[in-house]
Amino acid sequence: MKLLRGLAAIVVLAGAAVGFSAPAQAANVMQGVYNYTSEGQTGTWTIYPTCVPVVGDLREPLYLPVGCRLHVNPSRGLTGGDAALVGGVWGFSVPKTEGMQCPDGSWEPTVEVIRFDDVTMSGTRKITHNGNCGTAPGIIEIPFTLSFKEPLPIPVDQYPLICEPGGLRRCF
């Protein structure tokens, strides 16, 4: 009889420990100051995430990188934007009204598409133009690498929204 009560107490305590565990945080979401290096360009990207819990099955929020945006603030001369995770790669695009300078000194528009992998710390910057400056339309692809420089100067709460427990989990 004592053995059964002891076993029942262990099962109840184990269930309570699982039920009251803290939510998992998104693993390996980039944040900090990173060195950016490519052909002819160097600088820094300051990256901070903003995430929302993925709803899942409505019982428990899931803290996954897919629910995040990385805000990329570049140093002078580099391109930045808000990156989303698609197919395991972070990316964003930026239209630039003065993207390409012609030999006569005028400027023509371009679109920059930046993709980078937070595991390999490498990426590509593709500059698309529609035959600017009398040239044929094309895409200029420039590879780059990232390296961690330092943590952010101010801590960032990557999950700033507060979501209701249970139900549809409205967040505010």
N, C-alpha and C. Protein backbone atom coordinates (compact mmCIF):
# COMPACT_ATOMS: atom_id res chain seq x y z
N MET A 1 0.82 -1.18 0.00
CA MET A 1 0.00 0.00 0.00
C MET A 1 0.87 1.26 0.00
N LYS A 2 1.92 1.26 0.85
CA LYS A 2 2.81 2.42 0.90
C LYS A 2 3.53 2.61 -0.44
N LEU A 3 3.85 1.50 -1.09
CA LEU A 3 4.53 1.56 -2.38
C LEU A 3 3.64 2.23 -3.42
N LEU A 4 2.34 1.89 -3.42
CA LEU A 4 1.41 2.49 -4.38
C LEU A 4 1.24 3.99 -4.14
N ARG A 5 1.13 4.38 -2.85
CA ARG A 5 1.01 5.81 -2.53
C ARG A 5 2.27 6.58 -2.92
N GLY A 6 3.43 5.98 -2.67
CA GLY A 6 4.69 6.62 -3.04
C GLY A 6 4.82 6.79 -4.54
N LEU A 7 4.43 5.75 -5.27
CA LEU A 7 4.48 5.81 -6.73
C LEU A 7 3.51 6.85 -7.27
N ALA A 8 2.31 6.93 -6.68
CA ALA A 8 1.32 7.93 -7.10
C ALA A 8 1.83 9.34 -6.84
N ALA A 9 2.49 9.55 -5.70
CA ALA A 9 3.05 10.88 -5.39
C ALA A 9 4.11 11.28 -6.40
N ILE A 10 4.96 10.34 -6.81
CA ILE A 10 6.01 10.64 -7.80
C ILE A 10 5.38 11.02 -9.13
N VAL A 11 4.35 10.28 -9.55
CA VAL A 11 3.68 10.58 -10.82
C VAL A 11 3.04 11.97 -10.78
N VAL A 12 2.38 12.33 -9.67
CA VAL A 12 1.75 13.64 -9.53
C VAL A 12 2.80 14.74 -9.56
N LEU A 13 3.90 14.59 -8.85
CA LEU A 13 4.96 15.61 -8.84
C LEU A 13 5.60 15.76 -10.21
N ALA A 14 5.82 14.66 -10.90
CA ALA A 14 6.40 14.72 -12.24
C ALA A 14 5.46 15.45 -13.19
N GLY A 15 4.16 15.19 -13.09
CA GLY A 15 3.17 15.87 -13.93
C GLY A 15 3.12 17.36 -13.63
N ALA A 16 3.22 17.73 -12.36
CA ALA A 16 3.20 19.14 -11.98
C ALA A 16 4.44 19.85 -12.50
N ALA A 17 5.59 19.18 -12.44
CA ALA A 17 6.82 19.80 -12.94
C ALA A 17 6.73 20.08 -14.42
N VAL A 18 6.14 19.18 -15.18
CA VAL A 18 5.96 19.40 -16.62
C VAL A 18 4.94 20.49 -16.87
N GLY A 19 3.84 20.49 -16.13
CA GLY A 19 2.77 21.46 -16.31
C GLY A 19 3.17 22.88 -15.96
N PHE A 20 4.10 23.06 -15.02
CA PHE A 20 4.50 24.40 -14.60
C PHE A 20 5.85 24.83 -15.16
N SER A 21 6.36 24.13 -16.14
CA SER A 21 7.66 24.52 -16.69
C SER A 21 7.54 25.84 -17.44
N ALA A 22 8.62 26.59 -17.48
CA ALA A 22 8.63 27.88 -18.16
C ALA A 22 8.62 27.67 -19.66
N PRO A 23 8.05 28.60 -20.43
CA PRO A 23 8.03 28.44 -21.88
C PRO A 23 9.44 28.50 -22.45
N ALA A 24 9.65 27.73 -23.48
CA ALA A 24 10.96 27.72 -24.14
C ALA A 24 11.11 29.00 -24.95
N GLN A 25 12.32 29.48 -25.05
CA GLN A 25 12.60 30.67 -25.85
C GLN A 25 13.10 30.25 -27.22
N ALA A 26 12.97 31.13 -28.19
CA ALA A 26 13.44 30.82 -29.54
C ALA A 26 14.94 30.60 -29.51
N ALA A 27 15.35 29.48 -30.03
CA ALA A 27 16.76 29.12 -30.00
C ALA A 27 17.54 29.89 -31.06
N ASN A 28 18.67 30.42 -30.65
CA ASN A 28 19.63 31.01 -31.57
C ASN A 28 19.09 32.13 -32.46
N VAL A 29 18.27 33.01 -31.94
CA VAL A 29 17.83 34.16 -32.72
C VAL A 29 18.93 35.20 -32.62
N MET A 30 19.42 35.64 -33.77
CA MET A 30 20.54 36.59 -33.80
C MET A 30 20.19 37.89 -33.08
N GLN A 31 21.14 38.39 -32.32
CA GLN A 31 21.06 39.74 -31.79
C GLN A 31 22.45 40.16 -31.37
N GLY A 32 22.75 41.43 -31.63
CA GLY A 32 24.07 41.96 -31.31
C GLY A 32 24.58 42.84 -32.43
N VAL A 33 25.85 43.19 -32.32
CA VAL A 33 26.51 43.98 -33.35
C VAL A 33 27.43 43.02 -34.11
N TYR A 34 27.29 43.01 -35.43
CA TYR A 34 28.04 42.10 -36.29
C TYR A 34 28.88 42.88 -37.29
N ASN A 35 30.11 42.40 -37.55
CA ASN A 35 30.95 42.96 -38.60
C ASN A 35 30.44 42.44 -39.94
N TYR A 36 30.27 43.33 -40.90
CA TYR A 36 29.83 43.00 -42.26
C TYR A 36 31.03 43.20 -43.18
N THR A 37 31.38 42.16 -43.96
CA THR A 37 32.53 42.25 -44.86
C THR A 37 32.15 41.69 -46.22
N SER A 38 32.37 42.49 -47.28
CA SER A 38 32.16 42.04 -48.66
C SER A 38 33.19 42.72 -49.54
N GLU A 39 33.11 42.44 -50.84
CA GLU A 39 34.03 43.07 -51.79
C GLU A 39 33.88 44.60 -51.73
N GLY A 40 34.88 45.27 -51.26
CA GLY A 40 34.87 46.72 -51.25
C GLY A 40 34.00 47.38 -50.19
N GLN A 41 33.34 46.63 -49.34
CA GLN A 41 32.50 47.22 -48.29
C GLN A 41 32.73 46.53 -46.96
N THR A 42 32.90 47.34 -45.94
CA THR A 42 32.95 46.83 -44.57
C THR A 42 32.12 47.77 -43.71
N GLY A 43 31.66 47.28 -42.61
CA GLY A 43 30.87 48.08 -41.68
C GLY A 43 30.28 47.17 -40.63
N THR A 44 29.21 47.65 -40.01
CA THR A 44 28.55 46.85 -38.97
C THR A 44 27.05 46.82 -39.21
N TRP A 45 26.46 45.73 -38.78
CA TRP A 45 25.01 45.60 -38.69
C TRP A 45 24.68 45.45 -37.22
N THR A 46 23.76 46.28 -36.72
CA THR A 46 23.23 46.10 -35.37
C THR A 46 21.89 45.39 -35.55
N ILE A 47 21.80 44.17 -35.00
CA ILE A 47 20.63 43.32 -35.22
C ILE A 47 19.92 43.08 -33.88
N TYR A 48 18.61 43.36 -33.87
CA TYR A 48 17.82 43.02 -32.70
C TYR A 48 16.50 42.39 -33.15
N PRO A 49 16.05 41.34 -32.45
CA PRO A 49 14.83 40.64 -32.85
C PRO A 49 13.58 41.17 -32.17
N THR A 50 12.46 41.02 -32.84
CA THR A 50 11.13 41.19 -32.26
C THR A 50 10.36 39.94 -32.64
N CYS A 51 9.84 39.23 -31.66
CA CYS A 51 9.18 37.95 -31.91
C CYS A 51 7.79 37.92 -31.30
N VAL A 52 6.94 37.07 -31.86
CA VAL A 52 5.63 36.77 -31.28
C VAL A 52 5.53 35.25 -31.16
N PRO A 53 4.86 34.77 -30.13
CA PRO A 53 4.71 33.31 -30.02
C PRO A 53 3.86 32.77 -31.16
N VAL A 54 4.24 31.61 -31.67
CA VAL A 54 3.44 30.92 -32.67
C VAL A 54 2.34 30.19 -31.91
N VAL A 55 1.10 30.24 -32.38
CA VAL A 55 -0.04 29.74 -31.63
C VAL A 55 0.00 28.24 -31.41
N GLY A 56 0.39 27.45 -32.37
CA GLY A 56 0.41 26.00 -32.19
C GLY A 56 -1.00 25.45 -32.05
N ASP A 57 -1.22 24.63 -31.05
CA ASP A 57 -2.54 24.02 -30.86
C ASP A 57 -3.37 24.73 -29.80
N LEU A 58 -3.06 25.96 -29.47
CA LEU A 58 -3.78 26.83 -28.53
C LEU A 58 -3.60 26.46 -27.07
N ARG A 59 -2.89 25.37 -26.76
CA ARG A 59 -2.66 25.02 -25.36
C ARG A 59 -1.43 25.72 -24.81
N GLU A 60 -0.41 25.84 -25.61
CA GLU A 60 0.85 26.41 -25.15
C GLU A 60 1.49 27.19 -26.30
N PRO A 61 1.91 28.43 -26.08
CA PRO A 61 2.57 29.16 -27.16
C PRO A 61 3.91 28.51 -27.50
N LEU A 62 4.27 28.55 -28.76
CA LEU A 62 5.55 28.00 -29.20
C LEU A 62 6.48 29.16 -29.52
N TYR A 63 7.65 29.17 -28.92
CA TYR A 63 8.60 30.25 -29.14
C TYR A 63 9.61 29.77 -30.17
N LEU A 64 9.33 30.08 -31.45
CA LEU A 64 10.14 29.62 -32.57
C LEU A 64 10.68 30.81 -33.35
N PRO A 65 11.86 30.67 -33.99
CA PRO A 65 12.40 31.78 -34.79
C PRO A 65 11.48 32.20 -35.93
N VAL A 66 10.60 31.30 -36.39
CA VAL A 66 9.71 31.64 -37.51
C VAL A 66 8.76 32.77 -37.12
N GLY A 67 8.54 32.99 -35.84
CA GLY A 67 7.69 34.08 -35.37
C GLY A 67 8.47 35.35 -35.10
N CYS A 68 9.67 35.49 -35.66
CA CYS A 68 10.53 36.65 -35.39
C CYS A 68 10.82 37.48 -36.64
N ARG A 69 11.15 38.71 -36.41
CA ARG A 69 11.71 39.62 -37.42
C ARG A 69 13.04 40.10 -36.86
N LEU A 70 14.05 40.16 -37.69
CA LEU A 70 15.33 40.72 -37.28
C LEU A 70 15.42 42.12 -37.85
N HIS A 71 15.57 43.10 -36.99
CA HIS A 71 15.72 44.49 -37.42
C HIS A 71 17.21 44.74 -37.62
N VAL A 72 17.61 45.02 -38.85
CA VAL A 72 19.01 45.20 -39.21
C VAL A 72 19.26 46.69 -39.42
N ASN A 73 20.00 47.29 -38.49
CA ASN A 73 20.38 48.70 -38.60
C ASN A 73 21.83 48.76 -39.08
N PRO A 74 22.06 49.28 -40.29
CA PRO A 74 23.41 49.26 -40.85
C PRO A 74 24.22 50.49 -40.47
N SER A 75 25.53 50.33 -40.55
CA SER A 75 26.39 51.51 -40.43
C SER A 75 26.36 52.22 -41.79
N ARG A 76 26.93 53.38 -41.86
CA ARG A 76 26.89 54.20 -43.07
C ARG A 76 27.41 53.45 -44.29
N GLY A 77 26.66 53.55 -45.39
CA GLY A 77 27.07 52.94 -46.64
C GLY A 77 26.54 51.52 -46.87
N LEU A 78 25.96 50.91 -45.83
CA LEU A 78 25.41 49.56 -45.97
C LEU A 78 23.88 49.63 -46.03
N THR A 79 23.26 48.53 -46.45
CA THR A 79 21.80 48.45 -46.54
C THR A 79 21.25 47.70 -45.34
N GLY A 80 20.13 48.17 -44.81
CA GLY A 80 19.48 47.50 -43.69
C GLY A 80 18.00 47.37 -43.95
N GLY A 81 17.32 46.60 -43.10
CA GLY A 81 15.88 46.41 -43.23
C GLY A 81 15.39 45.42 -42.19
N ASP A 82 14.15 44.97 -42.35
CA ASP A 82 13.55 44.01 -41.43
C ASP A 82 13.53 42.64 -42.09
N ALA A 83 14.33 41.72 -41.57
CA ALA A 83 14.49 40.40 -42.17
C ALA A 83 13.49 39.40 -41.60
N ALA A 84 12.96 38.56 -42.48
CA ALA A 84 12.07 37.46 -42.09
C ALA A 84 12.76 36.14 -42.42
N LEU A 85 12.42 35.10 -41.68
CA LEU A 85 12.99 33.77 -41.89
C LEU A 85 12.13 33.02 -42.92
N VAL A 86 12.74 32.68 -44.06
CA VAL A 86 12.04 31.93 -45.11
C VAL A 86 12.97 30.82 -45.58
N GLY A 87 12.52 29.59 -45.41
CA GLY A 87 13.32 28.44 -45.85
C GLY A 87 14.64 28.32 -45.12
N GLY A 88 14.70 28.75 -43.87
CA GLY A 88 15.92 28.65 -43.08
C GLY A 88 16.92 29.76 -43.32
N VAL A 89 16.56 30.75 -44.15
CA VAL A 89 17.46 31.86 -44.46
C VAL A 89 16.73 33.17 -44.16
N TRP A 90 17.43 34.11 -43.54
CA TRP A 90 16.87 35.43 -43.25
C TRP A 90 17.01 36.30 -44.49
N GLY A 91 16.01 37.15 -44.76
CA GLY A 91 16.11 38.01 -45.93
C GLY A 91 15.20 39.21 -45.88
N PHE A 92 15.59 40.22 -46.67
CA PHE A 92 14.78 41.42 -46.83
C PHE A 92 15.14 42.07 -48.16
N SER A 93 14.27 42.92 -48.67
CA SER A 93 14.56 43.65 -49.91
C SER A 93 14.30 45.13 -49.68
N VAL A 94 15.08 45.95 -50.38
CA VAL A 94 15.00 47.39 -50.21
C VAL A 94 15.07 48.06 -51.59
N PRO A 95 14.00 48.78 -52.00
CA PRO A 95 14.10 49.57 -53.23
C PRO A 95 14.89 50.85 -52.95
N LYS A 96 15.78 51.19 -53.86
CA LYS A 96 16.59 52.41 -53.69
C LYS A 96 16.39 53.32 -54.89
N THR A 97 15.95 54.56 -54.63
CA THR A 97 15.74 55.50 -55.73
C THR A 97 17.06 55.97 -56.31
N GLU A 98 18.10 56.03 -55.50
CA GLU A 98 19.43 56.40 -55.98
C GLU A 98 20.36 55.21 -55.74
N GLY A 99 20.11 54.13 -56.48
CA GLY A 99 20.86 52.90 -56.26
C GLY A 99 22.11 52.76 -57.11
N MET A 100 22.09 53.32 -58.33
CA MET A 100 23.23 53.15 -59.23
C MET A 100 23.57 54.49 -59.86
N GLN A 101 24.84 54.86 -59.75
CA GLN A 101 25.26 56.13 -60.33
C GLN A 101 25.79 55.89 -61.74
N CYS A 102 25.30 56.68 -62.69
CA CYS A 102 25.69 56.59 -64.10
C CYS A 102 26.96 57.41 -64.33
N PRO A 103 27.65 57.14 -65.45
CA PRO A 103 28.86 57.91 -65.76
C PRO A 103 28.63 59.42 -65.86
N ASP A 104 27.40 59.84 -66.24
CA ASP A 104 27.12 61.29 -66.34
C ASP A 104 26.80 61.92 -65.00
N GLY A 105 26.82 61.12 -63.91
CA GLY A 105 26.58 61.64 -62.57
C GLY A 105 25.15 61.50 -62.10
N SER A 106 24.22 61.12 -62.97
CA SER A 106 22.83 60.93 -62.56
C SER A 106 22.68 59.60 -61.82
N TRP A 107 21.55 59.48 -61.13
CA TRP A 107 21.28 58.26 -60.35
C TRP A 107 20.07 57.54 -60.93
N GLU A 108 20.10 56.22 -60.89
CA GLU A 108 19.00 55.38 -61.36
C GLU A 108 18.57 54.44 -60.23
N PRO A 109 17.28 54.02 -60.23
CA PRO A 109 16.79 53.15 -59.16
C PRO A 109 17.28 51.70 -59.30
N THR A 110 17.37 51.04 -58.15
CA THR A 110 17.70 49.61 -58.08
C THR A 110 16.87 48.99 -56.96
N VAL A 111 16.90 47.67 -56.89
CA VAL A 111 16.31 46.94 -55.77
C VAL A 111 17.39 46.03 -55.21
N GLU A 112 17.62 46.11 -53.90
CA GLU A 112 18.60 45.24 -53.26
C GLU A 112 17.87 44.15 -52.50
N VAL A 113 18.29 42.90 -52.72
CA VAL A 113 17.73 41.75 -52.02
C VAL A 113 18.86 41.13 -51.22
N ILE A 114 18.71 41.13 -49.91
CA ILE A 114 19.73 40.62 -49.00
C ILE A 114 19.22 39.31 -48.41
N ARG A 115 20.04 38.26 -48.47
CA ARG A 115 19.75 36.97 -47.85
C ARG A 115 20.97 36.54 -47.06
N PHE A 116 20.75 36.04 -45.82
CA PHE A 116 21.89 35.57 -45.03
C PHE A 116 21.49 34.42 -44.13
N ASP A 117 22.46 33.57 -43.87
CA ASP A 117 22.28 32.37 -43.05
C ASP A 117 22.93 32.63 -41.70
N ASP A 118 22.15 32.52 -40.62
CA ASP A 118 22.68 32.80 -39.28
C ASP A 118 23.54 31.66 -38.75
N VAL A 119 23.59 30.53 -39.44
CA VAL A 119 24.44 29.41 -39.02
C VAL A 119 25.83 29.55 -39.65
N THR A 120 25.87 29.76 -40.97
CA THR A 120 27.17 29.89 -41.68
C THR A 120 27.72 31.31 -41.59
N MET A 121 26.87 32.25 -41.18
CA MET A 121 27.25 33.67 -41.07
C MET A 121 27.74 34.21 -42.41
N SER A 122 27.05 33.82 -43.48
CA SER A 122 27.37 34.32 -44.82
C SER A 122 26.08 34.62 -45.55
N GLY A 123 26.19 35.40 -46.62
CA GLY A 123 24.99 35.75 -47.37
C GLY A 123 25.33 36.36 -48.70
N THR A 124 24.28 36.82 -49.39
CA THR A 124 24.44 37.48 -50.68
C THR A 124 23.61 38.75 -50.71
N ARG A 125 24.14 39.71 -51.43
CA ARG A 125 23.44 40.97 -51.68
C ARG A 125 23.28 41.05 -53.20
N LYS A 126 22.04 41.01 -53.65
CA LYS A 126 21.75 41.06 -55.09
C LYS A 126 21.17 42.43 -55.42
N ILE A 127 21.82 43.11 -56.37
CA ILE A 127 21.37 44.42 -56.80
C ILE A 127 20.77 44.25 -58.20
N THR A 128 19.48 44.51 -58.32
CA THR A 128 18.77 44.35 -59.58
C THR A 128 18.53 45.73 -60.19
N HIS A 129 18.84 45.85 -61.49
CA HIS A 129 18.58 47.11 -62.19
C HIS A 129 17.95 46.81 -63.55
N ASN A 130 17.17 47.77 -64.09
CA ASN A 130 16.46 47.57 -65.35
C ASN A 130 17.15 48.25 -66.52
N GLY A 131 18.39 48.03 -66.70
CA GLY A 131 19.08 48.64 -67.83
C GLY A 131 19.40 50.10 -67.60
N ASN A 132 19.81 50.39 -66.41
CA ASN A 132 20.14 51.77 -66.06
C ASN A 132 21.39 52.25 -66.80
N CYS A 133 21.45 53.51 -67.02
CA CYS A 133 22.64 54.15 -67.59
C CYS A 133 22.99 53.61 -68.97
N GLY A 134 21.98 53.11 -69.71
CA GLY A 134 22.22 52.60 -71.04
C GLY A 134 22.83 51.21 -71.10
N THR A 135 22.84 50.50 -69.98
CA THR A 135 23.37 49.14 -69.96
C THR A 135 22.20 48.15 -70.04
N ALA A 136 22.52 46.89 -70.26
CA ALA A 136 21.49 45.84 -70.29
C ALA A 136 20.99 45.59 -68.86
N PRO A 137 19.72 45.23 -68.70
CA PRO A 137 19.22 44.89 -67.36
C PRO A 137 20.04 43.75 -66.77
N GLY A 138 20.17 43.74 -65.45
CA GLY A 138 20.97 42.68 -64.85
C GLY A 138 20.84 42.62 -63.34
N ILE A 139 21.51 41.60 -62.81
CA ILE A 139 21.58 41.39 -61.36
C ILE A 139 23.04 41.27 -60.99
N ILE A 140 23.47 42.11 -60.07
CA ILE A 140 24.84 42.07 -59.56
C ILE A 140 24.78 41.34 -58.22
N GLU A 141 25.49 40.22 -58.10
CA GLU A 141 25.46 39.42 -56.87
C GLU A 141 26.80 39.58 -56.14
N ILE A 142 26.72 39.99 -54.87
CA ILE A 142 27.91 40.23 -54.07
C ILE A 142 27.82 39.39 -52.79
N PRO A 143 28.73 38.44 -52.59
CA PRO A 143 28.71 37.66 -51.34
C PRO A 143 29.26 38.48 -50.18
N PHE A 144 28.83 38.16 -48.98
CA PHE A 144 29.36 38.82 -47.78
C PHE A 144 29.42 37.84 -46.63
N THR A 145 30.17 38.21 -45.60
CA THR A 145 30.25 37.41 -44.38
C THR A 145 29.93 38.30 -43.19
N LEU A 146 29.47 37.66 -42.13
CA LEU A 146 29.19 38.34 -40.87
C LEU A 146 30.02 37.68 -39.78
N SER A 147 30.43 38.48 -38.80
CA SER A 147 31.10 37.94 -37.62
C SER A 147 30.63 38.73 -36.40
N PHE A 148 30.43 38.03 -35.30
CA PHE A 148 29.94 38.68 -34.08
C PHE A 148 31.00 39.63 -33.56
N LYS A 149 30.59 40.86 -33.27
CA LYS A 149 31.51 41.87 -32.73
C LYS A 149 31.29 42.07 -31.24
N GLU A 150 30.02 42.33 -30.85
CA GLU A 150 29.72 42.60 -29.45
C GLU A 150 28.22 42.50 -29.20
N PRO A 151 27.83 42.33 -27.93
CA PRO A 151 26.40 42.31 -27.62
C PRO A 151 25.78 43.69 -27.81
N LEU A 152 24.46 43.73 -27.86
CA LEU A 152 23.75 45.00 -27.98
C LEU A 152 24.05 45.88 -26.76
N PRO A 153 24.12 47.21 -26.94
CA PRO A 153 24.40 48.08 -25.79
C PRO A 153 23.28 48.10 -24.76
N ILE A 154 22.04 47.84 -25.20
CA ILE A 154 20.89 47.82 -24.29
C ILE A 154 20.18 46.48 -24.49
N PRO A 155 19.87 45.75 -23.41
CA PRO A 155 19.17 44.47 -23.58
C PRO A 155 17.83 44.65 -24.29
N VAL A 156 17.47 43.67 -25.11
CA VAL A 156 16.23 43.72 -25.88
C VAL A 156 15.32 42.58 -25.43
N ASP A 157 14.04 42.90 -25.18
CA ASP A 157 13.04 41.87 -24.88
C ASP A 157 12.54 41.37 -26.22
N GLN A 158 12.98 40.17 -26.63
CA GLN A 158 12.60 39.70 -27.96
C GLN A 158 11.14 39.28 -28.04
N TYR A 159 10.44 39.12 -26.92
CA TYR A 159 9.01 38.82 -26.90
C TYR A 159 8.28 39.95 -26.16
N PRO A 160 8.10 41.13 -26.80
CA PRO A 160 7.52 42.27 -26.10
C PRO A 160 6.01 42.18 -25.92
N LEU A 161 5.31 41.34 -26.67
CA LEU A 161 3.86 41.24 -26.54
C LEU A 161 3.49 40.34 -25.38
N ILE A 162 2.38 40.66 -24.73
CA ILE A 162 1.84 39.83 -23.66
C ILE A 162 0.59 39.17 -24.22
N CYS A 163 0.54 37.84 -24.19
CA CYS A 163 -0.59 37.10 -24.76
C CYS A 163 -1.44 36.49 -23.65
N GLU A 164 -2.75 36.51 -23.87
CA GLU A 164 -3.68 35.92 -22.90
C GLU A 164 -3.45 34.42 -22.80
N PRO A 165 -3.67 33.86 -21.65
CA PRO A 165 -3.60 32.40 -21.54
C PRO A 165 -4.85 31.76 -22.13
N GLY A 166 -4.70 30.59 -22.73
CA GLY A 166 -5.83 29.80 -23.24
C GLY A 166 -6.53 30.45 -24.41
N GLY A 167 -7.48 29.74 -24.97
CA GLY A 167 -8.31 30.28 -26.06
C GLY A 167 -7.50 30.68 -27.27
N LEU A 168 -7.88 31.79 -27.89
CA LEU A 168 -7.22 32.24 -29.11
C LEU A 168 -5.96 33.04 -28.85
N ARG A 169 -5.63 33.30 -27.61
CA ARG A 169 -4.40 33.99 -27.23
C ARG A 169 -4.25 35.36 -27.91
N ARG A 170 -5.16 36.25 -27.61
CA ARG A 170 -4.99 37.61 -28.11
C ARG A 170 -3.75 38.19 -27.49
N CYS A 171 -2.96 38.88 -28.29
CA CYS A 171 -1.73 39.50 -27.79
C CYS A 171 -1.90 41.02 -27.85
N PHE A 172 -1.32 41.70 -26.88
CA PHE A 172 -1.36 43.16 -26.83
C PHE A 172 -0.05 43.70 -26.35
